[in-house]
Amino acid sequence: MSEKEMPFLEIHKNSHGAKIFKCCMSCGHKEIISVGQRYCKAHNKVVTPYEMCKRWMLAIGLERAGAGGGTVNTNCYQQFKEREQEMYDSNLLRKKS
């Protein structure tokens, strides 16, 4: 969601400058119970993703958001990259001929 769609939420910038909405969905106290259900360990209750409280803390996984340098290691992606490289190589050979 964009800032325009959620104007009621505060925005936090991490050390890499990534904008993160301050709410339960980005909080380090949350624990996912099941799809769509979050449990707040700080308040010991079930919460919605857009709730906000004064105990909010940035989730560990979001501290490095925006740092870059990551790699995608899924088999599907690797196969895509291999096919892409093959197509690139074959196009180069055609141009040289």
Protein backbone atom coordinates (compact mmCIF):
# COMPACT_ATOMS: atom_id res chain seq x y z
CA MET A 1 0.00 0.00 0.00
CA SER A 2 1.13 3.52 -0.65
CA GLU A 3 1.42 6.51 1.67
CA LYS A 4 -1.73 8.00 0.08
CA GLU A 5 -3.74 4.87 0.88
CA MET A 6 -2.65 4.84 4.54
CA PRO A 7 -2.26 8.51 5.58
CA PHE A 8 -3.10 7.70 9.22
CA LEU A 9 0.10 5.69 9.76
CA GLU A 10 3.45 7.15 10.72
CA ILE A 11 6.43 6.35 8.53
CA HIS A 12 9.79 5.23 9.88
CA LYS A 13 12.97 5.24 7.80
CA ASN A 14 15.48 2.53 8.58
CA SER A 15 19.26 2.99 8.36
CA HIS A 16 19.15 2.33 4.57
CA GLY A 17 16.43 4.91 3.95
CA ALA A 18 13.61 2.44 3.28
CA LYS A 19 10.20 3.79 4.30
CA ILE A 20 8.37 1.47 6.68
CA PHE A 21 4.87 2.02 8.08
CA LYS A 22 4.83 2.03 11.89
CA CYS A 23 2.12 -0.52 12.71
CA CYS A 24 1.71 -4.11 13.85
CA MET A 25 2.63 -5.55 10.46
CA SER A 26 6.17 -4.12 10.75
CA CYS A 27 6.61 -4.54 14.51
CA GLY A 28 9.13 -6.83 16.13
CA HIS A 29 6.68 -7.81 18.88
CA LYS A 30 4.27 -9.52 16.47
CA GLU A 31 4.01 -13.23 16.01
CA ILE A 32 2.05 -14.74 13.12
CA ILE A 33 -0.54 -17.19 14.45
CA SER A 34 -2.10 -18.11 11.11
CA VAL A 35 -2.75 -16.44 7.76
CA GLY A 36 -4.03 -12.94 8.54
CA GLN A 37 -3.78 -13.28 12.34
CA ARG A 38 -1.10 -11.61 14.41
CA TYR A 39 -0.43 -11.92 18.11
CA CYS A 40 1.27 -9.07 19.98
CA LYS A 41 3.76 -10.39 22.55
CA ALA A 42 4.01 -6.94 24.16
CA HIS A 43 0.26 -6.71 24.85
CA ASN A 44 -0.59 -10.44 24.93
CA LYS A 45 -3.50 -10.12 22.51
CA VAL A 46 -4.53 -10.73 18.90
CA VAL A 47 -4.08 -7.58 16.79
CA THR A 48 -4.83 -6.37 13.27
CA PRO A 49 -2.00 -5.50 10.84
CA TYR A 50 -2.70 -1.75 10.96
CA GLU A 51 -2.91 -1.26 14.73
CA MET A 52 -0.31 1.00 16.30
CA CYS A 53 0.92 1.46 19.86
CA LYS A 54 3.75 3.17 21.73
CA ARG A 55 5.68 -0.11 22.13
CA TRP A 56 6.33 -0.42 18.36
CA MET A 57 9.82 -1.55 17.44
CA LEU A 58 11.20 -2.30 13.99
CA ALA A 59 11.08 -5.99 13.09
CA ILE A 60 14.52 -7.57 12.68
CA GLY A 61 13.83 -8.59 9.07
CA LEU A 62 13.13 -4.96 8.12
CA GLU A 63 16.34 -3.50 9.54
CA ARG A 64 18.22 -4.35 6.34
CA ALA A 65 15.41 -3.51 3.92
CA GLY A 66 16.78 -1.41 1.08
CA ALA A 67 20.41 -2.44 1.67
CA GLY A 68 20.70 -4.19 -1.68
CA GLY A 69 23.26 -6.82 -2.53
CA GLY A 70 20.81 -9.67 -2.08
CA THR A 71 20.49 -12.63 -4.39
CA VAL A 72 17.55 -14.77 -5.43
CA ASN A 73 18.37 -18.43 -5.10
CA THR A 74 15.20 -20.24 -6.16
CA ASN A 75 15.49 -22.94 -8.83
CA CYS A 76 12.86 -21.24 -10.98
CA TYR A 77 14.80 -17.96 -10.97
CA GLN A 78 18.09 -19.70 -11.71
CA GLN A 79 16.52 -21.48 -14.71
CA PHE A 80 15.13 -18.17 -15.94
CA LYS A 81 18.56 -16.52 -15.69
CA GLU A 82 20.18 -19.43 -17.57
CA ARG A 83 17.63 -19.18 -20.42
CA GLU A 84 18.06 -15.42 -20.49
CA GLN A 85 21.85 -15.81 -20.79
CA GLU A 86 21.46 -18.41 -23.56
CA MET A 87 19.18 -16.07 -25.52
CA TYR A 88 21.62 -13.20 -25.03
CA ASP A 89 24.56 -15.35 -26.19
CA SER A 90 22.69 -16.63 -29.26
CA ASN A 91 21.71 -13.08 -30.25
CA LEU A 92 25.35 -11.98 -29.99
CA LEU A 93 26.43 -14.87 -32.24
CA ARG A 94 23.78 -13.90 -34.82
CA LYS A 95 24.95 -10.29 -34.86
CA LYS A 96 28.59 -11.31 -35.44
CA SER A 97 27.68 -13.59 -38.39
